[in-house]
Amino acid sequence: AIADFGDEEYKQMLCVDGAAIEKPITLKPGEEWTG
């Protein structure tokens, strides 16, 4: 169903992502986050 993805290509890939999702990062004015 994904237009820019080959029908059988799911066999050759796996996404494993470093992420910050469950608790979003909050920045105060002027503050910096590093990942």
Full PDB file with SEQRES, HELIX, SHEET, SSBOND, CRYST1, ORIGX, SCALE, CONECT and MASTER records, all heavy atoms in Angstrom:
SEQRES   1 A   35  ALA ILE ALA ASP PHE GLY ASP GLU GLU TYR LYS GLN MET          
SEQRES   2 A   35  LEU CYS VAL ASP GLY ALA ALA ILE GLU LYS PRO ILE THR          
SEQRES   3 A   35  LEU LYS PRO GLY GLU GLU TRP THR GLY                          
HELIX    1 AA1 GLU A    9  GLN A   12  5                                   4    
CRYST1    1.000    1.000    1.000  90.00  90.00  90.00 P 1           1          
ORIGX1      1.000000  0.000000  0.000000        0.00000                         
ORIGX2      0.000000  1.000000  0.000000        0.00000                         
ORIGX3      0.000000  0.000000  1.000000        0.00000                         
SCALE1      1.000000  0.000000  0.000000        0.00000                         
SCALE2      0.000000  1.000000  0.000000        0.00000                         
SCALE3      0.000000  0.000000  1.000000        0.00000                         
ATOM      1  N   ALA A   1       0.810  -1.224   0.000  1.00  0.00           N  
ATOM      2  CA  ALA A   1       0.000   0.000   0.000  1.00  0.00           C  
ATOM      3  C   ALA A   1       0.844   1.275   0.000  1.00  0.00           C  
ATOM      4  O   ALA A   1       0.322   2.361  -0.176  1.00  0.00           O  
ATOM      5  CB  ALA A   1      -0.922  -0.003   1.225  1.00  0.00           C  
ATOM      6  N   ILE A   2       2.167   1.125   0.205  1.00  0.00           N  
ATOM      7  CA  ILE A   2       3.040   2.315   0.243  1.00  0.00           C  
ATOM      8  C   ILE A   2       3.579   2.555  -1.163  1.00  0.00           C  
ATOM      9  O   ILE A   2       4.266   1.700  -1.729  1.00  0.00           O  
ATOM     10  CB  ILE A   2       4.205   2.115   1.238  1.00  0.00           C  
ATOM     11  CG1 ILE A   2       3.669   1.863   2.651  1.00  0.00           C  
ATOM     12  CG2 ILE A   2       5.138   3.321   1.231  1.00  0.00           C  
ATOM     13  CD1 ILE A   2       4.736   1.473   3.683  1.00  0.00           C  
ATOM     14  N   ALA A   3       3.259   3.715  -1.722  1.00  0.00           N  
ATOM     15  CA  ALA A   3       3.571   3.971  -3.141  1.00  0.00           C  
ATOM     16  C   ALA A   3       5.070   3.956  -3.426  1.00  0.00           C  
ATOM     17  O   ALA A   3       5.509   3.448  -4.459  1.00  0.00           O  
ATOM     18  CB  ALA A   3       2.978   5.317  -3.559  1.00  0.00           C  
ATOM     19  N   ASP A   4       5.871   4.514  -2.504  1.00  0.00           N  
ATOM     20  CA  ASP A   4       7.311   4.619  -2.786  1.00  0.00           C  
ATOM     21  C   ASP A   4       8.103   3.509  -2.097  1.00  0.00           C  
ATOM     22  O   ASP A   4       9.212   3.707  -1.597  1.00  0.00           O  
ATOM     23  CB  ASP A   4       7.850   6.006  -2.377  1.00  0.00           C  
ATOM     24  CG  ASP A   4       7.625   6.313  -0.895  1.00  0.00           C  
ATOM     25  OD1 ASP A   4       6.838   5.589  -0.243  1.00  0.00           O  
ATOM     26  OD2 ASP A   4       8.232   7.279  -0.398  1.00  0.00           O  
ATOM     27  N   PHE A   5       7.510   2.296  -2.109  1.00  0.00           N  
ATOM     28  CA  PHE A   5       8.139   1.159  -1.421  1.00  0.00           C  
ATOM     29  C   PHE A   5       7.805  -0.098  -2.218  1.00  0.00           C  
ATOM     30  O   PHE A   5       6.643  -0.314  -2.572  1.00  0.00           O  
ATOM     31  CB  PHE A   5       7.551   1.082   0.002  1.00  0.00           C  
ATOM     32  CG  PHE A   5       8.282   0.170   0.945  1.00  0.00           C  
ATOM     33  CD1 PHE A   5       9.417   0.611   1.609  1.00  0.00           C  
ATOM     34  CD2 PHE A   5       7.822  -1.115   1.199  1.00  0.00           C  
ATOM     35  CE1 PHE A   5      10.079  -0.218   2.507  1.00  0.00           C  
ATOM     36  CE2 PHE A   5       8.479  -1.949   2.085  1.00  0.00           C  
ATOM     37  CZ  PHE A   5       9.617  -1.491   2.743  1.00  0.00           C  
ATOM     38  N   GLY A   6       8.810  -0.917  -2.531  1.00  0.00           N  
ATOM     39  CA  GLY A   6       8.571  -2.136  -3.306  1.00  0.00           C  
ATOM     40  C   GLY A   6       7.780  -3.169  -2.512  1.00  0.00           C  
ATOM     41  O   GLY A   6       7.907  -3.251  -1.290  1.00  0.00           O  
ATOM     42  N   ASP A   7       6.963  -3.950  -3.208  1.00  0.00           N  
ATOM     43  CA  ASP A   7       6.068  -4.914  -2.542  1.00  0.00           C  
ATOM     44  C   ASP A   7       6.802  -5.895  -1.632  1.00  0.00           C  
ATOM     45  O   ASP A   7       6.287  -6.293  -0.597  1.00  0.00           O  
ATOM     46  CB  ASP A   7       5.279  -5.715  -3.589  1.00  0.00           C  
ATOM     47  CG  ASP A   7       4.242  -4.853  -4.297  1.00  0.00           C  
ATOM     48  OD1 ASP A   7       4.122  -3.660  -3.934  1.00  0.00           O  
ATOM     49  OD2 ASP A   7       3.568  -5.362  -5.211  1.00  0.00           O  
ATOM     50  N   GLU A   8       8.006  -6.316  -2.067  1.00  0.00           N  
ATOM     51  CA  GLU A   8       8.736  -7.338  -1.308  1.00  0.00           C  
ATOM     52  C   GLU A   8       9.874  -6.740  -0.475  1.00  0.00           C  
ATOM     53  O   GLU A   8      10.612  -7.470   0.183  1.00  0.00           O  
ATOM     54  CB  GLU A   8       9.332  -8.378  -2.276  1.00  0.00           C  
ATOM     55  CG  GLU A   8       8.293  -9.144  -3.092  1.00  0.00           C  
ATOM     56  CD  GLU A   8       7.466 -10.084  -2.223  1.00  0.00           C  
ATOM     57  OE1 GLU A   8       8.059 -10.775  -1.373  1.00  0.00           O  
ATOM     58  OE2 GLU A   8       6.226 -10.109  -2.387  1.00  0.00           O  
ATOM     59  N   GLU A   9      10.027  -5.423  -0.511  1.00  0.00           N  
ATOM     60  CA  GLU A   9      11.218  -4.827   0.107  1.00  0.00           C  
ATOM     61  C   GLU A   9      11.198  -4.851   1.633  1.00  0.00           C  
ATOM     62  O   GLU A   9      12.238  -4.660   2.262  1.00  0.00           O  
ATOM     63  CB  GLU A   9      11.398  -3.372  -0.383  1.00  0.00           C  
ATOM     64  CG  GLU A   9      11.912  -3.310  -1.807  1.00  0.00           C  
ATOM     65  CD  GLU A   9      12.180  -1.895  -2.293  1.00  0.00           C  
ATOM     66  OE1 GLU A   9      11.513  -0.938  -1.821  1.00  0.00           O  
ATOM     67  OE2 GLU A   9      13.039  -1.729  -3.154  1.00  0.00           O  
ATOM     68  N   TYR A  10      10.028  -5.111   2.212  1.00  0.00           N  
ATOM     69  CA  TYR A  10       9.974  -5.192   3.675  1.00  0.00           C  
ATOM     70  C   TYR A  10      10.912  -6.260   4.214  1.00  0.00           C  
ATOM     71  O   TYR A  10      11.339  -6.210   5.370  1.00  0.00           O  
ATOM     72  CB  TYR A  10       8.524  -5.453   4.147  1.00  0.00           C  
ATOM     73  CG  TYR A  10       8.025  -6.846   3.868  1.00  0.00           C  
ATOM     74  CD1 TYR A  10       8.172  -7.854   4.817  1.00  0.00           C  
ATOM     75  CD2 TYR A  10       7.427  -7.165   2.640  1.00  0.00           C  
ATOM     76  CE1 TYR A  10       7.728  -9.148   4.561  1.00  0.00           C  
ATOM     77  CE2 TYR A  10       6.989  -8.459   2.380  1.00  0.00           C  
ATOM     78  CZ  TYR A  10       7.145  -9.442   3.337  1.00  0.00           C  
ATOM     79  OH  TYR A  10       6.720 -10.718   3.074  1.00  0.00           O  
ATOM     80  N   LYS A  11      11.260  -7.242   3.354  1.00  0.00           N  
ATOM     81  CA  LYS A  11      12.154  -8.329   3.805  1.00  0.00           C  
ATOM     82  C   LYS A  11      13.584  -7.842   4.006  1.00  0.00           C  
ATOM     83  O   LYS A  11      14.353  -8.456   4.733  1.00  0.00           O  
ATOM     84  CB  LYS A  11      12.150  -9.468   2.783  1.00  0.00           C  
ATOM     85  CG  LYS A  11      10.802 -10.156   2.657  1.00  0.00           C  
ATOM     86  CD  LYS A  11      10.804 -11.158   1.521  1.00  0.00           C  
ATOM     87  CE  LYS A  11       9.428 -11.800   1.359  1.00  0.00           C  
ATOM     88  NZ  LYS A  11       9.341 -12.602   0.129  1.00  0.00           N  
ATOM     89  N   GLN A  12      13.952  -6.753   3.321  1.00  0.00           N  
ATOM     90  CA  GLN A  12      15.354  -6.299   3.322  1.00  0.00           C  
ATOM     91  C   GLN A  12      15.604  -5.090   4.216  1.00  0.00           C  
ATOM     92  O   GLN A  12      16.658  -4.484   4.150  1.00  0.00           O  
ATOM     93  CB  GLN A  12      15.808  -5.938   1.898  1.00  0.00           C  
ATOM     94  CG  GLN A  12      16.392  -7.121   1.134  1.00  0.00           C  
ATOM     95  CD  GLN A  12      15.326  -8.069   0.624  1.00  0.00           C  
ATOM     96  OE1 GLN A  12      14.455  -7.670  -0.125  1.00  0.00           O  
ATOM     97  NE2 GLN A  12      15.399  -9.321   1.050  1.00  0.00           N  
ATOM     98  N   MET A  13      14.633  -4.696   5.035  1.00  0.00           N  
ATOM     99  CA  MET A  13      14.810  -3.508   5.867  1.00  0.00           C  
ATOM    100  C   MET A  13      14.208  -3.694   7.252  1.00  0.00           C  
ATOM    101  O   MET A  13      13.310  -4.506   7.456  1.00  0.00           O  
ATOM    102  CB  MET A  13      14.194  -2.263   5.199  1.00  0.00           C  
ATOM    103  CG  MET A  13      12.714  -2.319   4.851  1.00  0.00           C  
ATOM    104  SD  MET A  13      11.492  -2.354   6.200  1.00  0.00           S  
ATOM    105  CE  MET A  13      11.706  -0.723   6.883  1.00  0.00           C  
ATOM    106  N   LEU A  14      14.762  -2.930   8.188  1.00  0.00           N  
ATOM    107  CA  LEU A  14      14.179  -2.844   9.518  1.00  0.00           C  
ATOM    108  C   LEU A  14      14.510  -1.458  10.065  1.00  0.00           C  
ATOM    109  O   LEU A  14      15.668  -1.044  10.033  1.00  0.00           O  
ATOM    110  CB  LEU A  14      14.764  -3.911  10.453  1.00  0.00           C  
ATOM    111  CG  LEU A  14      14.277  -3.843  11.906  1.00  0.00           C  
ATOM    112  CD1 LEU A  14      12.778  -4.100  12.008  1.00  0.00           C  
ATOM    113  CD2 LEU A  14      15.042  -4.834  12.787  1.00  0.00           C  
ATOM    114  N   CYS A  15      13.488  -0.741  10.523  1.00  0.00           N  
ATOM    115  CA  CYS A  15      13.726   0.558  11.149  1.00  0.00           C  
ATOM    116  C   CYS A  15      13.858   0.386  12.655  1.00  0.00           C  
ATOM    117  O   CYS A  15      12.972  -0.197  13.292  1.00  0.00           O  
ATOM    118  CB  CYS A  15      12.595   1.537  10.845  1.00  0.00           C  
ATOM    119  SG  CYS A  15      12.636   2.175   9.166  1.00  0.00           S  
ATOM    120  N   VAL A  16      14.963   0.862  13.195  1.00  0.00           N  
ATOM    121  CA  VAL A  16      15.175   0.923  14.644  1.00  0.00           C  
ATOM    122  C   VAL A  16      15.683   2.340  14.910  1.00  0.00           C  
ATOM    123  O   VAL A  16      16.772   2.695  14.478  1.00  0.00           O  
ATOM    124  CB  VAL A  16      16.191  -0.132  15.121  1.00  0.00           C  
ATOM    125  CG1 VAL A  16      16.439   0.003  16.623  1.00  0.00           C  
ATOM    126  CG2 VAL A  16      15.689  -1.545  14.797  1.00  0.00           C  
ATOM    127  N   ASP A  17      14.857   3.148  15.571  1.00  0.00           N  
ATOM    128  CA  ASP A  17      15.116   4.585  15.675  1.00  0.00           C  
ATOM    129  C   ASP A  17      15.400   4.999  17.106  1.00  0.00           C  
ATOM    130  O   ASP A  17      14.608   4.695  18.003  1.00  0.00           O  
ATOM    131  CB  ASP A  17      13.875   5.414  15.264  1.00  0.00           C  
ATOM    132  CG  ASP A  17      13.184   4.960  13.997  1.00  0.00           C  
ATOM    133  OD1 ASP A  17      13.693   4.045  13.332  1.00  0.00           O  
ATOM    134  OD2 ASP A  17      12.129   5.538  13.675  1.00  0.00           O  
ATOM    135  N   GLY A  18      16.457   5.758  17.312  1.00  0.00           N  
ATOM    136  CA  GLY A  18      16.598   6.511  18.556  1.00  0.00           C  
ATOM    137  C   GLY A  18      15.609   7.656  18.513  1.00  0.00           C  
ATOM    138  O   GLY A  18      15.499   8.354  17.503  1.00  0.00           O  
ATOM    139  N   ALA A  19      14.837   7.870  19.610  1.00  0.00           N  
ATOM    140  CA  ALA A  19      13.718   8.812  19.534  1.00  0.00           C  
ATOM    141  C   ALA A  19      13.366   9.371  20.912  1.00  0.00           C  
ATOM    142  O   ALA A  19      13.749   8.811  21.942  1.00  0.00           O  
ATOM    143  CB  ALA A  19      12.496   8.105  18.937  1.00  0.00           C  
ATOM    144  N   ALA A  20      12.636  10.471  20.899  1.00  0.00           N  
ATOM    145  CA  ALA A  20      12.009  11.018  22.120  1.00  0.00           C  
ATOM    146  C   ALA A  20      10.562  11.284  21.742  1.00  0.00           C  
ATOM    147  O   ALA A  20      10.268  12.265  21.058  1.00  0.00           O  
ATOM    148  CB  ALA A  20      12.713  12.293  22.567  1.00  0.00           C  
ATOM    149  N   ILE A  21       9.680  10.361  22.143  1.00  0.00           N  
ATOM    150  CA  ILE A  21       8.289  10.402  21.676  1.00  0.00           C  
ATOM    151  C   ILE A  21       7.297  10.383  22.825  1.00  0.00           C  
ATOM    152  O   ILE A  21       6.410  11.221  22.902  1.00  0.00           O  
ATOM    153  CB  ILE A  21       8.008   9.207  20.727  1.00  0.00           C  
ATOM    154  CG1 ILE A  21       8.869   9.354  19.477  1.00  0.00           C  
ATOM    155  CG2 ILE A  21       6.523   9.136  20.358  1.00  0.00           C  
ATOM    156  CD1 ILE A  21       8.925   8.124  18.635  1.00  0.00           C  
ATOM    157  N   GLU A  22       7.436   9.400  23.727  1.00  0.00           N  
ATOM    158  CA  GLU A  22       6.413   9.242  24.772  1.00  0.00           C  
ATOM    159  C   GLU A  22       6.293  10.523  25.601  1.00  0.00           C  
ATOM    160  O   GLU A  22       5.199  11.009  25.860  1.00  0.00           O  
ATOM    161  CB  GLU A  22       6.748   8.067  25.691  1.00  0.00           C  
ATOM    162  CG  GLU A  22       5.599   7.791  26.642  1.00  0.00           C  
ATOM    163  CD  GLU A  22       6.002   7.069  27.918  1.00  0.00           C  
ATOM    164  OE1 GLU A  22       7.191   7.036  28.275  1.00  0.00           O  
ATOM    165  OE2 GLU A  22       5.094   6.549  28.569  1.00  0.00           O  
ATOM    166  N   LYS A  23       7.431  11.056  26.028  1.00  0.00           N  
ATOM    167  CA  LYS A  23       7.436  12.332  26.771  1.00  0.00           C  
ATOM    168  C   LYS A  23       8.145  13.346  25.903  1.00  0.00           C  
ATOM    169  O   LYS A  23       9.380  13.339  25.827  1.00  0.00           O  
ATOM    170  CB  LYS A  23       8.169  12.162  28.102  1.00  0.00           C  
ATOM    171  CG  LYS A  23       7.475  11.179  29.028  1.00  0.00           C  
ATOM    172  CD  LYS A  23       8.280  10.925  30.284  1.00  0.00           C  
ATOM    173  CE  LYS A  23       7.541   9.948  31.176  1.00  0.00           C  
ATOM    174  NZ  LYS A  23       8.443   9.054  31.906  1.00  0.00           N  
ATOM    175  N   PRO A  24       7.409  14.204  25.207  1.00  0.00           N  
ATOM    176  CA  PRO A  24       8.064  15.178  24.340  1.00  0.00           C  
ATOM    177  C   PRO A  24       9.074  16.036  25.103  1.00  0.00           C  
ATOM    178  O   PRO A  24       8.972  16.196  26.326  1.00  0.00           O  
ATOM    179  CB  PRO A  24       6.901  16.022  23.809  1.00  0.00           C  
ATOM    180  CG  PRO A  24       5.714  15.101  23.876  1.00  0.00           C  
ATOM    181  CD  PRO A  24       5.941  14.272  25.106  1.00  0.00           C  
ATOM    182  N   ILE A  25      10.052  16.544  24.378  1.00  0.00           N  
ATOM    183  CA  ILE A  25      11.069  17.427  24.948  1.00  0.00           C  
ATOM    184  C   ILE A  25      10.452  18.824  25.071  1.00  0.00           C  
ATOM    185  O   ILE A  25       9.901  19.340  24.098  1.00  0.00           O  
ATOM    186  CB  ILE A  25      12.291  17.524  24.009  1.00  0.00           C  
ATOM    187  CG1 ILE A  25      12.811  16.138  23.607  1.00  0.00           C  
ATOM    188  CG2 ILE A  25      13.369  18.420  24.609  1.00  0.00           C  
ATOM    189  CD1 ILE A  25      13.462  15.351  24.675  1.00  0.00           C  
ATOM    190  N   THR A  26      10.555  19.436  26.242  1.00  0.00           N  
ATOM    191  CA  THR A  26      10.083  20.811  26.416  1.00  0.00           C  
ATOM    192  C   THR A  26      11.277  21.723  26.626  1.00  0.00           C  
ATOM    193  O   THR A  26      12.156  21.430  27.456  1.00  0.00           O  
ATOM    194  CB  THR A  26       9.119  20.910  27.616  1.00  0.00           C  
ATOM    195  OG1 THR A  26       7.990  20.070  27.356  1.00  0.00           O  
ATOM    196  CG2 THR A  26       8.625  22.333  27.813  1.00  0.00           C  
ATOM    197  N   LEU A  27      11.315  22.799  25.851  1.00  0.00           N  
ATOM    198  CA  LEU A  27      12.399  23.774  25.965  1.00  0.00           C  
ATOM    199  C   LEU A  27      11.847  25.115  26.425  1.00  0.00           C  
ATOM    200  O   LEU A  27      10.884  25.624  25.858  1.00  0.00           O  
ATOM    201  CB  LEU A  27      13.074  23.987  24.605  1.00  0.00           C  
ATOM    202  CG  LEU A  27      13.925  22.854  24.048  1.00  0.00           C  
ATOM    203  CD1 LEU A  27      14.522  23.282  22.707  1.00  0.00           C  
ATOM    204  CD2 LEU A  27      15.028  22.459  25.017  1.00  0.00           C  
ATOM    205  N   LYS A  28      12.489  25.671  27.442  1.00  0.00           N  
ATOM    206  CA  LYS A  28      12.169  27.047  27.854  1.00  0.00           C  
ATOM    207  C   LYS A  28      12.878  27.996  26.884  1.00  0.00           C  
ATOM    208  O   LYS A  28      13.807  27.579  26.165  1.00  0.00           O  
ATOM    209  CB  LYS A  28      12.677  27.294  29.268  1.00  0.00           C  
ATOM    210  CG  LYS A  28      12.046  26.404  30.329  1.00  0.00           C  
ATOM    211  CD  LYS A  28      12.485  26.880  31.719  1.00  0.00           C  
ATOM    212  CE  LYS A  28      12.029  25.923  32.799  1.00  0.00           C  
ATOM    213  NZ  LYS A  28      12.982  24.808  32.996  1.00  0.00           N  
ATOM    214  N   PRO A  29      12.495  29.285  26.875  1.00  0.00           N  
ATOM    215  CA  PRO A  29      13.163  30.249  25.992  1.00  0.00           C  
ATOM    216  C   PRO A  29      14.683  30.235  26.214  1.00  0.00           C  
ATOM    217  O   PRO A  29      15.153  30.237  27.353  1.00  0.00           O  
ATOM    218  CB  PRO A  29      12.557  31.588  26.414  1.00  0.00           C  
ATOM    219  CG  PRO A  29      11.210  31.243  26.961  1.00  0.00           C  
ATOM    220  CD  PRO A  29      11.372  29.911  27.610  1.00  0.00           C  
ATOM    221  N   GLY A  30      15.423  30.158  25.107  1.00  0.00           N  
ATOM    222  CA  GLY A  30      16.887  30.160  25.189  1.00  0.00           C  
ATOM    223  C   GLY A  30      17.501  28.821  25.527  1.00  0.00           C  
ATOM    224  O   GLY A  30      18.723  28.653  25.467  1.00  0.00           O  
ATOM    225  N   GLU A  31      16.679  27.839  25.873  1.00  0.00           N  
ATOM    226  CA  GLU A  31      17.211  26.541  26.290  1.00  0.00           C  
ATOM    227  C   GLU A  31      17.543  25.686  25.073  1.00  0.00           C  
ATOM    228  O   GLU A  31      16.924  25.820  24.020  1.00  0.00           O  
ATOM    229  CB  GLU A  31      16.158  25.833  27.159  1.00  0.00           C  
ATOM    230  CG  GLU A  31      16.717  24.785  28.079  1.00  0.00           C  
ATOM    231  CD  GLU A  31      15.662  24.268  29.067  1.00  0.00           C  
ATOM    232  OE1 GLU A  31      14.445  24.487  28.877  1.00  0.00           O  
ATOM    233  OE2 GLU A  31      16.073  23.628  30.026  1.00  0.00           O  
ATOM    234  N   GLU A  32      18.514  24.785  25.235  1.00  0.00           N  
ATOM    235  CA  GLU A  32      18.934  23.910  24.132  1.00  0.00           C  
ATOM    236  C   GLU A  32      18.876  22.454  24.567  1.00  0.00           C  
ATOM    237  O   GLU A  32      19.265  22.116  25.684  1.00  0.00           O  
ATOM    238  CB  GLU A  32      20.367  24.269  23.704  1.00  0.00           C  
ATOM    239  CG  GLU A  32      20.837  23.482  22.491  1.00  0.00           C  
ATOM    240  CD  GLU A  32      22.201  23.964  21.989  1.00  0.00           C  
ATOM    241  OE1 GLU A  32      23.232  23.508  22.502  1.00  0.00           O  
ATOM    242  OE2 GLU A  32      22.221  24.821  21.088  1.00  0.00           O  
ATOM    243  N   TRP A  33      18.375  21.611  23.667  1.00  0.00           N  
ATOM    244  CA  TRP A  33      18.356  20.157  23.891  1.00  0.00           C  
ATOM    245  C   TRP A  33      19.422  19.514  23.002  1.00  0.00           C  
ATOM    246  O   TRP A  33      19.635  19.943  21.858  1.00  0.00           O  
ATOM    247  CB  TRP A  33      16.983  19.592  23.510  1.00  0.00           C  
ATOM    248  CG  TRP A  33      16.940  18.096  23.419  1.00  0.00           C  
ATOM    249  CD1 TRP A  33      16.776  17.200  24.431  1.00  0.00           C  
ATOM    250  CD2 TRP A  33      17.076  17.308  22.219  1.00  0.00           C  
ATOM    251  NE1 TRP A  33      16.796  15.911  23.949  1.00  0.00           N  
ATOM    252  CE2 TRP A  33      16.991  15.947  22.587  1.00  0.00           C  
ATOM    253  CE3 TRP A  33      17.275  17.624  20.867  1.00  0.00           C  
ATOM    254  CZ2 TRP A  33      17.081  14.908  21.670  1.00  0.00           C  
ATOM    255  CZ3 TRP A  33      17.372  16.584  19.952  1.00  0.00           C  
ATOM    256  CH2 TRP A  33      17.272  15.246  20.352  1.00  0.00           C  
ATOM    257  N   THR A  34      20.073  18.490  23.529  1.00  0.00           N  
ATOM    258  CA  THR A  34      21.066  17.752  22.751  1.00  0.00           C  
ATOM    259  C   THR A  34      20.696  16.273  22.721  1.00  0.00           C  
ATOM    260  O   THR A  34      20.364  15.696  23.765  1.00  0.00           O  
ATOM    261  CB  THR A  34      22.467  17.896  23.390  1.00  0.00           C  
ATOM    262  OG1 THR A  34      22.802  19.279  23.435  1.00  0.00           O  
ATOM    263  CG2 THR A  34      23.522  17.172  22.571  1.00  0.00           C  
ATOM    264  N   GLY A  35      20.738  15.693  21.546  1.00  0.00           N  
ATOM    265  CA  GLY A  35      20.504  14.256  21.387  1.00  0.00           C  
ATOM    266  C   GLY A  35      21.569  13.679  20.485  1.00  0.00           C  
ATOM    267  O   GLY A  35      22.006  14.327  19.532  1.00  0.00           O  
TER     268      GLY A  35                                                      
MASTER        0    0    0    1    0    0    0    6  267    1    0    3          
END                                                                             
